[in-house]
Amino acid sequence: FLPDYIPEEGYSTLPYPAELRNRTGVTIEYVVVAMQSLPEQFPILLAADDLPNVIINADWYYQGSLTSGVDDGYFANLYEYREYMPNYWYIAHSHPEDPSFLAHLLPEDDMIVSMWCYEQERAFLYGTVTRGDWLEKLGMVNDDLVTFDDIHILLKTFKTEFDCDWPFMLTKTLGNYGFFNAMDTIPVITNTLGALVDNGQVAFTHTRAQDFNFMTLINQWYSEGLIEPDWMSIAASVDAKDLITAGKMAVVGLVPTEVPGYEPPNAVVADPNMYFVPIHMPLVYEGQTIHCGDARKWVSYGSWTINAKTENMPLLVSYLDYFYSEEGAFFSNWGIEGDTFVYNESGEPQLSDFIMEHPGGMAMAICAFMRNPLTEGGVSYIWRTYAYPGGDRFKGFLDYWADYDYDGTMQWPSSITFTPEQTGRLTQYSVDLMTYITENYLLFVDGSEPLSEWNSYVDGLVASGLNECQEIYQEAYEAFMERIASLQ
């Protein structure tokens, strides 16, 4: 993540990997590749049969499922070495209330492909904020914002009372950090189909009456001048930073660690009293339970996958299992005392000045000089990111966003996989279907396609393979639920 700060002697000479070698007695030769180069490097190494013993994020780069990578002889089935991973095995079985978690770690009853990064505590990583100073002037607090109607009134008030040109930040993918989940859909557009489960039946986002309701709301906000006309240029808050700091946009999605960069004294702002507060995901009606879109999970992004040709498999599996132990988890999250962390007056670890003031940025320094939760397995302490003076305020954002009623009854299980035969059938239809959605759904935002043409849009979905894709997803869902029943 910060290749310019790796010494000429190599990554292994940095304090963290050097101490890791001392603690485990295992010497690791690191292959350091810039993140942006990995998509090109991985297939080259794969074709040359030159993969390293441990591969990070294999699921990001391998063309096919990880289980097929085992069948093809590239990746090891670690189930055969489970006796060497007691800590990981314990974690895998630590959430009987969530069998899909175990199904993710064991995609088949007798298969473990990767050792995943485990979140010690599930938490939101992002959410929506608004101007706390403006709420004060209106005699309001963030708890007053409960429903979409409340948000709508607030946006119009910001526009008229504070000369806020485009108060709501809409992103070009419609993601908006889960802001619209209470509408029983997940509007974000990605390169894959968005599946939901409605009373046991698979449904796709961007295709249903709930999606029409969402688009009706967005079209109204756009027509009332509450959304930046050039919203398609906004992929994330950084693309709208000038508007936000100038007071021209005020309900925005942010990661808590981003907030200081949008407030004085760290940012040049139009109002020196400007500050942000978190707001809840709005509801359609008070007391509503949200059914889909919860981003909290036990499994993070990082993972380790082992080359099937590794010679000393027991040693390597035991080494990786160390990171799931109590000692290994603490050390890999905090690193070296006096280097990457110190103890505060309360005897609690907090990030050192070296990390907090690193010229490459605190977030990147955490990833570079300790275990990287974005790319590696192990156990992740989410609160570590906020372990610095004043960090409790931003940790409070996460707690605030998590305060809502959720039952997950419509959530598509992330652990579902498709058979090679199903994948082949999906390939026939899903590309055309996603292309159709991407090219047509967004046109309803600004009225380029009037909402009166919604039924014609749905007809186009059917012609592009909607029903065929639903049938395949339904097969996979029912097979998954049968397996979940067997795990309980």
Protein backbone atom coordinates (compact mmCIF):
# COMPACT_ATOMS: atom_id res chain seq x y z
CA PHE A 1 0.00 0.00 0.00
CA LEU A 2 2.98 2.30 0.62
CA PRO A 3 5.74 0.77 -1.52
CA ASP A 4 7.82 3.95 -1.39
CA TYR A 5 8.36 3.41 2.34
CA ILE A 6 9.72 -0.12 2.09
CA PRO A 7 13.49 -0.10 2.80
CA GLU A 8 15.96 -1.26 0.16
CA GLU A 9 16.76 -4.26 2.36
CA GLY A 10 13.19 -5.48 1.86
CA TYR A 11 9.85 -5.61 3.65
CA SER A 12 11.03 -8.36 6.00
CA THR A 13 13.44 -5.93 7.70
CA LEU A 14 10.65 -3.68 8.97
CA PRO A 15 9.94 -3.97 12.72
CA TYR A 16 6.61 -5.81 12.40
CA PRO A 17 7.67 -8.70 10.10
CA ALA A 18 11.02 -8.95 11.91
CA GLU A 19 9.31 -9.38 15.29
CA LEU A 20 6.81 -11.78 13.71
CA ARG A 21 9.73 -13.97 12.68
CA ASN A 22 11.11 -13.84 16.23
CA ARG A 23 7.76 -14.84 17.73
CA THR A 24 6.94 -17.71 15.37
CA GLY A 25 10.36 -18.95 14.30
CA VAL A 26 9.13 -18.97 10.71
CA THR A 27 10.99 -17.07 7.99
CA ILE A 28 8.80 -15.64 5.26
CA GLU A 29 10.06 -14.35 1.92
CA TYR A 30 7.66 -11.60 0.89
CA VAL A 31 6.72 -10.89 -2.71
CA VAL A 32 5.84 -7.19 -2.67
CA VAL A 33 3.62 -6.08 -5.54
CA ALA A 34 1.83 -2.73 -5.80
CA MET A 35 -1.91 -3.23 -5.35
CA GLN A 36 -2.72 -1.72 -8.74
CA SER A 37 -0.46 -4.30 -10.42
CA LEU A 38 -1.98 -7.40 -8.84
CA PRO A 39 -4.79 -7.89 -11.39
CA GLU A 40 -2.15 -8.13 -14.13
CA GLN A 41 0.46 -10.07 -12.14
CA PHE A 42 -1.79 -12.82 -10.79
CA PRO A 43 -2.75 -14.45 -14.14
CA ILE A 44 0.90 -14.28 -15.24
CA LEU A 45 2.06 -16.12 -12.12
CA LEU A 46 -0.82 -18.57 -12.46
CA ALA A 47 0.00 -19.38 -16.09
CA ALA A 48 3.68 -19.81 -15.23
CA ASP A 49 2.81 -22.11 -12.31
CA ASP A 50 4.77 -19.71 -10.11
CA LEU A 51 2.25 -18.69 -7.46
CA PRO A 52 3.74 -18.04 -4.01
CA ASN A 53 2.94 -20.40 -1.16
CA VAL A 54 0.46 -17.93 0.34
CA ILE A 55 -1.76 -15.85 -1.93
CA ILE A 56 -3.68 -12.81 -0.69
CA ASN A 57 -7.18 -12.09 -2.01
CA ALA A 58 -7.19 -15.00 -4.43
CA ASP A 59 -10.96 -14.56 -4.73
CA TRP A 60 -10.37 -11.12 -6.26
CA TYR A 61 -8.15 -12.33 -9.08
CA TYR A 62 -8.88 -15.98 -9.85
CA GLN A 63 -11.23 -16.38 -12.79
CA GLY A 64 -13.67 -18.85 -11.33
CA SER A 65 -14.76 -19.98 -7.90
CA LEU A 66 -12.13 -20.80 -5.30
CA THR A 67 -13.51 -24.33 -5.05
CA SER A 68 -12.90 -24.77 -8.77
CA GLY A 69 -9.34 -23.57 -8.11
CA VAL A 70 -8.95 -26.53 -5.75
CA ASP A 71 -10.36 -28.89 -8.36
CA ASP A 72 -7.97 -27.45 -10.94
CA GLY A 73 -4.99 -28.12 -8.68
CA TYR A 74 -4.03 -24.51 -7.97
CA PHE A 75 -5.21 -24.13 -4.36
CA ALA A 76 -4.89 -26.49 -1.41
CA ASN A 77 -7.91 -27.92 0.37
CA LEU A 78 -7.04 -26.95 3.94
CA TYR A 79 -9.74 -29.20 5.39
CA GLU A 80 -7.18 -31.99 5.20
CA TYR A 81 -4.96 -29.95 7.56
CA ARG A 82 -7.62 -28.73 9.99
CA GLU A 83 -5.77 -30.30 12.94
CA TYR A 84 -3.10 -27.63 12.41
CA MET A 85 -5.58 -24.74 12.64
CA PRO A 86 -7.28 -25.08 16.05
CA ASN A 87 -7.79 -21.33 16.44
CA TYR A 88 -9.32 -20.87 13.00
CA TRP A 89 -11.48 -23.97 13.45
CA TYR A 90 -12.76 -22.59 16.75
CA ILE A 91 -13.66 -19.25 15.16
CA ALA A 92 -15.39 -21.01 12.26
CA HIS A 93 -17.76 -22.66 14.73
CA SER A 94 -18.15 -19.66 17.05
CA HIS A 95 -21.42 -18.33 15.63
CA PRO A 96 -24.01 -21.11 15.59
CA GLU A 97 -26.70 -18.43 15.33
CA ASP A 98 -25.34 -17.58 11.86
CA PRO A 99 -24.78 -20.83 9.92
CA SER A 100 -24.05 -18.88 6.74
CA PHE A 101 -20.81 -17.77 8.43
CA LEU A 102 -19.66 -21.37 8.76
CA ALA A 103 -20.83 -22.02 5.20
CA HIS A 104 -18.62 -19.17 3.99
CA LEU A 105 -15.55 -20.60 5.69
CA LEU A 106 -16.42 -24.17 4.61
CA PRO A 107 -17.96 -23.79 1.13
CA GLU A 108 -18.40 -27.58 1.10
CA ASP A 109 -18.68 -29.97 4.02
CA ASP A 110 -15.13 -31.23 3.52
CA MET A 111 -13.46 -28.17 2.03
CA ILE A 112 -11.65 -25.10 3.35
CA VAL A 113 -10.08 -23.08 0.56
CA SER A 114 -9.11 -19.83 2.27
CA MET A 115 -8.42 -18.55 5.77
CA TRP A 116 -10.49 -15.39 5.93
CA CYS A 117 -10.09 -12.19 7.89
CA TYR A 118 -12.45 -12.41 10.85
CA GLU A 119 -14.03 -9.28 12.30
CA GLN A 120 -13.89 -9.53 16.08
CA GLU A 121 -17.00 -7.36 16.21
CA ARG A 122 -19.46 -6.64 13.43
CA ALA A 123 -19.76 -2.93 12.74
CA PHE A 124 -20.74 -0.49 10.04
CA LEU A 125 -17.77 0.87 8.16
CA TYR A 126 -19.64 3.82 6.64
CA GLY A 127 -22.92 5.71 6.69
CA THR A 128 -24.57 9.08 6.14
CA VAL A 129 -23.82 12.36 7.90
CA THR A 130 -25.25 15.85 7.83
CA ARG A 131 -24.42 19.34 9.08
CA GLY A 132 -24.73 19.37 12.86
CA ASP A 133 -24.26 23.14 13.02
CA TRP A 134 -27.22 23.67 10.68
CA LEU A 135 -29.40 21.33 12.71
CA GLU A 136 -28.55 23.44 15.77
CA LYS A 137 -29.67 26.61 14.02
CA LEU A 138 -32.95 24.90 13.13
CA GLY A 139 -33.46 23.79 16.72
CA MET A 140 -33.04 20.15 15.72
CA VAL A 141 -30.87 17.14 16.53
CA ASN A 142 -30.06 14.13 14.39
CA ASP A 143 -32.54 11.96 16.32
CA ASP A 144 -35.32 14.07 14.81
CA LEU A 145 -34.60 12.57 11.39
CA VAL A 146 -36.50 9.28 11.26
CA THR A 147 -38.33 8.86 7.94
CA PHE A 148 -37.74 9.70 4.30
CA ASP A 149 -40.35 12.43 4.71
CA ASP A 150 -38.18 13.95 7.46
CA ILE A 151 -35.16 13.85 5.17
CA HIS A 152 -37.13 15.37 2.31
CA ILE A 153 -38.24 18.29 4.47
CA LEU A 154 -34.69 18.75 5.75
CA LEU A 155 -33.25 18.87 2.24
CA LYS A 156 -35.72 21.52 1.15
CA THR A 157 -35.03 23.52 4.31
CA PHE A 158 -31.27 23.37 3.77
CA LYS A 159 -31.78 24.61 0.22
CA THR A 160 -33.92 27.60 1.21
CA GLU A 161 -32.46 28.54 4.60
CA PHE A 162 -28.75 28.00 4.00
CA ASP A 163 -28.42 28.52 0.24
CA CYS A 164 -27.36 24.88 -0.13
CA ASP A 165 -27.61 24.30 -3.87
CA TRP A 166 -27.69 20.50 -4.01
CA PRO A 167 -28.24 19.27 -0.44
CA PHE A 168 -28.30 15.52 -1.16
CA MET A 169 -25.22 13.72 -2.48
CA LEU A 170 -26.31 10.99 -4.90
CA THR A 171 -23.53 8.73 -6.17
CA LYS A 172 -23.33 7.45 -9.71
CA THR A 173 -23.88 3.83 -8.62
CA LEU A 174 -26.85 4.78 -6.39
CA GLY A 175 -24.99 3.06 -3.55
CA ASN A 176 -25.14 5.85 -0.98
CA TYR A 177 -23.89 3.60 1.82
CA GLY A 178 -27.18 1.78 2.39
CA PHE A 179 -29.21 4.97 2.82
CA PHE A 180 -32.24 3.55 0.99
CA ASN A 181 -32.34 0.01 2.40
CA ALA A 182 -35.66 0.62 4.17
CA MET A 183 -37.33 0.68 0.75
CA ASP A 184 -36.88 -3.12 0.63
CA THR A 185 -34.28 -2.93 -2.09
CA ILE A 186 -30.56 -2.30 -2.52
CA PRO A 187 -30.31 0.28 -5.32
CA VAL A 188 -26.54 0.11 -5.87
CA ILE A 189 -25.51 -0.93 -9.38
CA THR A 190 -22.43 -3.13 -9.64
CA ASN A 191 -21.17 -5.56 -12.28
CA THR A 192 -23.26 -8.41 -10.84
CA LEU A 193 -26.96 -8.98 -10.31
CA GLY A 194 -28.36 -7.79 -7.01
CA ALA A 195 -30.31 -10.68 -5.53
CA LEU A 196 -32.84 -10.61 -2.69
CA VAL A 197 -35.09 -13.24 -1.15
CA ASP A 198 -38.79 -12.40 -0.88
CA ASN A 199 -40.76 -15.07 1.02
CA GLY A 200 -38.43 -17.80 -0.17
CA GLN A 201 -38.41 -16.62 -3.78
CA VAL A 202 -35.40 -15.01 -5.45
CA ALA A 203 -35.89 -11.52 -6.79
CA PHE A 204 -33.49 -9.03 -8.33
CA THR A 205 -33.02 -5.40 -7.45
CA HIS A 206 -33.76 -2.79 -10.15
CA THR A 207 -36.68 -4.93 -11.37
CA ARG A 208 -39.48 -4.77 -8.80
CA ALA A 209 -42.24 -2.47 -7.58
CA GLN A 210 -39.98 -1.51 -4.67
CA ASP A 211 -37.41 -0.27 -7.18
CA PHE A 212 -40.06 1.78 -8.93
CA ASN A 213 -40.93 3.36 -5.57
CA PHE A 214 -37.26 4.15 -4.94
CA MET A 215 -36.83 5.69 -8.37
CA THR A 216 -40.01 7.73 -7.93
CA LEU A 217 -38.53 9.25 -4.77
CA ILE A 218 -35.16 9.97 -6.37
CA ASN A 219 -36.77 11.47 -9.46
CA GLN A 220 -38.82 13.79 -7.23
CA TRP A 221 -35.74 14.93 -5.31
CA TYR A 222 -33.91 15.50 -8.58
CA SER A 223 -36.83 17.44 -10.08
CA GLU A 224 -36.94 19.67 -6.99
CA GLY A 225 -33.27 20.60 -7.37
CA LEU A 226 -32.12 18.66 -4.32
CA ILE A 227 -29.54 16.62 -6.27
CA GLU A 228 -26.50 17.88 -8.18
CA PRO A 229 -27.33 17.72 -11.94
CA ASP A 230 -23.88 16.27 -12.60
CA TRP A 231 -24.43 13.48 -10.05
CA MET A 232 -22.95 10.91 -12.43
CA SER A 233 -19.53 12.46 -11.79
CA ILE A 234 -19.71 11.57 -8.08
CA ALA A 235 -18.36 8.11 -7.28
CA ALA A 236 -17.62 8.96 -3.65
CA SER A 237 -17.58 11.94 -1.31
CA VAL A 238 -14.10 12.98 -2.41
CA ASP A 239 -15.56 13.86 -5.83
CA ALA A 240 -17.94 16.32 -4.15
CA LYS A 241 -15.56 17.65 -1.50
CA ASP A 242 -15.49 21.19 -2.88
CA LEU A 243 -19.30 21.33 -2.82
CA ILE A 244 -19.46 19.85 0.68
CA THR A 245 -16.89 22.17 2.25
CA ALA A 246 -18.47 25.16 0.48
CA GLY A 247 -21.84 24.37 2.07
CA LYS A 248 -23.46 23.46 -1.24
CA MET A 249 -24.07 19.80 -0.32
CA ALA A 250 -24.99 18.67 3.18
CA VAL A 251 -26.37 15.11 3.41
CA VAL A 252 -23.47 12.94 2.34
CA GLY A 253 -22.02 9.46 2.75
CA LEU A 254 -18.71 9.23 4.60
CA VAL A 255 -16.41 6.81 6.33
CA PRO A 256 -15.88 8.15 9.88
CA THR A 257 -12.15 8.52 9.33
CA GLU A 258 -12.93 10.85 6.41
CA VAL A 259 -14.93 13.30 8.53
CA PRO A 260 -11.99 15.33 9.93
CA GLY A 261 -10.85 16.04 6.39
CA TYR A 262 -14.15 17.81 5.69
CA GLU A 263 -14.18 19.93 8.83
CA PRO A 264 -12.05 22.83 10.05
CA PRO A 265 -9.19 23.13 10.74
CA ASN A 266 -8.21 20.29 8.37
CA ALA A 267 -10.29 21.59 5.45
CA VAL A 268 -10.80 25.01 3.94
CA VAL A 269 -14.51 25.58 4.57
CA ALA A 270 -17.00 28.36 4.00
CA ASP A 271 -18.26 28.23 7.60
CA PRO A 272 -15.71 27.89 10.45
CA ASN A 273 -18.46 26.43 12.67
CA MET A 274 -19.13 23.56 10.29
CA TYR A 275 -19.26 20.05 11.75
CA PHE A 276 -20.97 16.76 10.91
CA VAL A 277 -23.17 14.37 12.84
CA PRO A 278 -24.30 10.88 11.83
CA ILE A 279 -27.90 10.22 10.83
CA HIS A 280 -29.80 6.96 10.83
CA MET A 281 -30.89 5.15 7.71
CA PRO A 282 -34.31 6.72 7.13
CA LEU A 283 -37.45 4.60 7.36
CA VAL A 284 -40.55 4.54 5.20
CA TYR A 285 -42.61 4.72 8.41
CA GLU A 286 -41.74 4.98 12.10
CA GLY A 287 -41.12 1.66 13.82
CA GLN A 288 -40.21 -0.10 10.57
CA THR A 289 -37.95 -3.16 10.60
CA ILE A 290 -35.44 -3.21 7.74
CA HIS A 291 -35.17 -6.50 5.86
CA CYS A 292 -32.08 -6.18 3.64
CA GLY A 293 -28.81 -4.39 3.10
CA ASP A 294 -27.10 -4.73 6.48
CA ALA A 295 -23.39 -4.40 5.72
CA ARG A 296 -22.18 -5.77 9.06
CA LYS A 297 -20.48 -9.14 8.76
CA TRP A 298 -18.05 -11.44 10.50
CA VAL A 299 -15.89 -11.94 7.41
CA SER A 300 -13.84 -9.04 6.10
CA TYR A 301 -12.14 -8.59 2.73
CA GLY A 302 -8.75 -10.14 3.43
CA SER A 303 -7.87 -13.80 3.01
CA TRP A 304 -5.01 -16.25 2.65
CA THR A 305 -5.15 -19.06 0.11
CA ILE A 306 -2.37 -21.66 -0.06
CA ASN A 307 -0.70 -22.96 -3.19
CA ALA A 308 -1.51 -26.65 -3.59
CA LYS A 309 2.15 -27.35 -4.38
CA THR A 310 3.40 -26.09 -0.99
CA GLU A 311 5.81 -28.66 0.46
CA ASN A 312 5.52 -28.14 4.23
CA MET A 313 1.78 -27.67 4.52
CA PRO A 314 1.48 -28.40 8.29
CA LEU A 315 4.06 -25.72 9.13
CA LEU A 316 2.45 -23.10 6.92
CA VAL A 317 -1.09 -23.79 8.17
CA SER A 318 0.14 -23.66 11.79
CA TYR A 319 1.91 -20.37 11.07
CA LEU A 320 -1.22 -18.78 9.62
CA ASP A 321 -3.32 -20.14 12.47
CA TYR A 322 -1.14 -18.14 14.88
CA PHE A 323 -2.86 -14.96 13.69
CA TYR A 324 -6.19 -16.29 14.98
CA SER A 325 -4.81 -16.90 18.49
CA GLU A 326 -5.23 -14.32 21.24
CA GLU A 327 -1.55 -13.37 21.15
CA GLY A 328 -1.34 -13.41 17.36
CA ALA A 329 -4.48 -11.31 16.97
CA PHE A 330 -3.26 -8.65 19.39
CA PHE A 331 0.22 -8.49 17.94
CA SER A 332 -0.89 -8.40 14.30
CA ASN A 333 -3.39 -5.62 15.00
CA TRP A 334 -1.12 -3.40 17.09
CA GLY A 335 2.41 -4.29 16.07
CA ILE A 336 5.39 -3.12 18.12
CA GLU A 337 4.93 -1.05 21.27
CA GLY A 338 6.68 2.28 20.82
CA ASP A 339 6.68 1.91 17.05
CA THR A 340 3.10 1.46 15.84
CA PHE A 341 1.25 1.73 19.16
CA VAL A 342 1.60 3.05 22.70
CA TYR A 343 -0.44 2.62 25.87
CA ASN A 344 -2.49 5.65 26.94
CA GLU A 345 -3.11 6.88 30.49
CA SER A 346 -5.87 4.30 30.92
CA GLY A 347 -3.55 1.48 29.96
CA GLU A 348 -5.28 0.94 26.62
CA PRO A 349 -3.40 0.62 23.33
CA GLN A 350 -3.64 3.48 20.89
CA LEU A 351 -2.00 4.25 17.58
CA SER A 352 1.41 5.88 17.75
CA ASP A 353 2.34 9.27 16.33
CA PHE A 354 4.30 7.39 13.66
CA ILE A 355 1.05 5.89 12.36
CA MET A 356 -1.25 8.86 12.96
CA GLU A 357 1.09 11.40 11.38
CA HIS A 358 2.52 9.25 8.60
CA PRO A 359 2.86 11.22 5.33
CA GLY A 360 1.17 8.37 3.47
CA GLY A 361 -1.94 8.76 5.61
CA MET A 362 -3.02 6.96 8.76
CA ALA A 363 -5.25 4.41 7.00
CA MET A 364 -2.52 3.41 4.57
CA ALA A 365 0.10 3.29 7.33
CA ILE A 366 -2.06 0.85 9.31
CA CYS A 367 -2.25 -1.42 6.27
CA ALA A 368 1.47 -1.15 5.51
CA PHE A 369 3.11 -1.49 8.93
CA MET A 370 0.81 -4.01 10.61
CA ARG A 371 -1.34 -6.87 9.35
CA ASN A 372 -3.46 -5.57 6.50
CA PRO A 373 -7.16 -6.46 7.02
CA LEU A 374 -7.97 -5.58 3.41
CA THR A 375 -5.69 -8.25 1.99
CA GLU A 376 -4.73 -10.70 4.74
CA GLY A 377 -6.46 -13.23 6.96
CA GLY A 378 -6.30 -13.12 10.74
CA VAL A 379 -8.50 -11.29 13.22
CA SER A 380 -9.43 -7.65 12.69
CA TYR A 381 -10.00 -5.16 15.52
CA ILE A 382 -12.29 -2.65 13.83
CA TRP A 383 -11.98 -0.17 16.73
CA ARG A 384 -8.21 0.06 16.24
CA THR A 385 -8.82 2.63 13.52
CA TYR A 386 -10.28 5.00 16.12
CA ALA A 387 -7.72 4.38 18.87
CA TYR A 388 -6.31 7.90 19.12
CA PRO A 389 -7.19 11.05 21.09
CA GLY A 390 -10.59 12.22 19.85
CA GLY A 391 -11.28 8.97 18.04
CA ASP A 392 -14.20 8.12 20.31
CA ARG A 393 -16.29 10.72 18.52
CA PHE A 394 -15.94 8.88 15.22
CA LYS A 395 -16.35 5.45 16.78
CA GLY A 396 -19.67 6.87 17.99
CA PHE A 397 -20.71 7.29 14.35
CA LEU A 398 -20.50 3.52 13.89
CA ASP A 399 -22.57 2.89 17.01
CA TYR A 400 -25.19 5.40 15.86
CA TRP A 401 -25.54 3.88 12.40
CA ALA A 402 -25.98 0.42 13.92
CA ASP A 403 -28.96 1.53 16.02
CA TYR A 404 -31.92 0.26 14.01
CA ASP A 405 -34.23 -2.75 13.79
CA TYR A 406 -33.12 -5.35 11.28
CA ASP A 407 -34.19 -8.95 10.66
CA GLY A 408 -32.43 -9.81 7.37
CA THR A 409 -35.42 -11.72 6.01
CA MET A 410 -34.80 -10.44 2.47
CA GLN A 411 -31.00 -10.55 2.52
CA TRP A 412 -29.29 -12.70 -0.10
CA PRO A 413 -26.85 -15.02 1.72
CA SER A 414 -23.34 -14.01 0.70
CA SER A 415 -22.10 -17.60 1.14
CA ILE A 416 -24.14 -18.95 -1.77
CA THR A 417 -22.07 -20.38 -4.60
CA PHE A 418 -22.98 -21.66 -8.04
CA THR A 419 -22.06 -24.96 -9.63
CA PRO A 420 -19.98 -24.86 -12.83
CA GLU A 421 -23.11 -25.83 -14.77
CA GLN A 422 -25.10 -22.98 -13.20
CA THR A 423 -22.26 -20.55 -13.83
CA GLY A 424 -22.23 -21.54 -17.48
CA ARG A 425 -25.97 -20.96 -17.80
CA LEU A 426 -25.73 -17.64 -15.99
CA THR A 427 -23.05 -16.46 -18.38
CA GLN A 428 -25.54 -16.81 -21.23
CA TYR A 429 -27.92 -14.29 -19.67
CA SER A 430 -26.44 -12.25 -16.84
CA VAL A 431 -24.08 -10.10 -18.93
CA ASP A 432 -26.89 -8.94 -21.22
CA LEU A 433 -29.21 -8.42 -18.26
CA MET A 434 -26.70 -6.31 -16.32
CA THR A 435 -25.88 -4.31 -19.44
CA TYR A 436 -29.56 -3.58 -19.94
CA ILE A 437 -29.99 -2.50 -16.30
CA THR A 438 -26.89 -0.29 -16.35
CA GLU A 439 -27.90 1.41 -19.58
CA ASN A 440 -31.57 1.97 -18.74
CA TYR A 441 -32.28 2.05 -15.01
CA LEU A 442 -30.29 5.21 -14.30
CA LEU A 443 -32.23 7.11 -16.97
CA PHE A 444 -35.19 7.36 -14.60
CA VAL A 445 -33.23 9.54 -12.15
CA ASP A 446 -33.39 12.75 -14.16
CA GLY A 447 -36.39 11.84 -16.29
CA SER A 448 -34.43 11.01 -19.43
CA GLU A 449 -36.70 7.98 -19.35
CA PRO A 450 -40.09 8.95 -17.85
CA LEU A 451 -41.45 6.82 -15.02
CA SER A 452 -44.48 6.15 -17.20
CA GLU A 453 -42.19 3.83 -19.21
CA TRP A 454 -41.41 1.59 -16.22
CA ASN A 455 -43.48 -1.33 -17.52
CA SER A 456 -41.67 -1.16 -20.85
CA TYR A 457 -38.39 -1.22 -18.95
CA VAL A 458 -39.50 -4.38 -17.12
CA ASP A 459 -40.48 -5.97 -20.44
CA GLY A 460 -36.92 -5.32 -21.58
CA LEU A 461 -35.60 -7.04 -18.46
CA VAL A 462 -37.60 -10.15 -19.27
CA ALA A 463 -36.38 -10.09 -22.86
CA SER A 464 -32.79 -9.82 -21.59
CA GLY A 465 -33.00 -13.00 -19.50
CA LEU A 466 -34.54 -11.96 -16.18
CA ASN A 467 -36.63 -15.10 -15.71
CA GLU A 468 -33.80 -17.44 -16.70
CA CYS A 469 -31.42 -15.82 -14.20
CA GLN A 470 -34.03 -16.00 -11.45
CA GLU A 471 -34.48 -19.72 -12.10
CA ILE A 472 -30.73 -20.37 -11.72
CA TYR A 473 -30.46 -18.26 -8.58
CA GLN A 474 -33.48 -20.05 -7.13
CA GLU A 475 -31.80 -23.42 -7.66
CA ALA A 476 -28.65 -22.20 -5.90
CA TYR A 477 -30.64 -20.68 -3.05
CA GLU A 478 -32.64 -23.83 -2.37
CA ALA A 479 -29.50 -26.00 -2.43
CA PHE A 480 -27.83 -23.58 -0.02
CA MET A 481 -30.76 -23.64 2.39
CA GLU A 482 -30.69 -27.44 2.39
CA ARG A 483 -27.01 -27.31 3.35
CA ILE A 484 -27.68 -24.72 6.06
CA ALA A 485 -30.34 -27.00 7.53
CA SER A 486 -27.79 -29.81 7.69
CA LEU A 487 -25.32 -27.57 9.58
CA GLN A 488 -27.80 -26.66 12.30
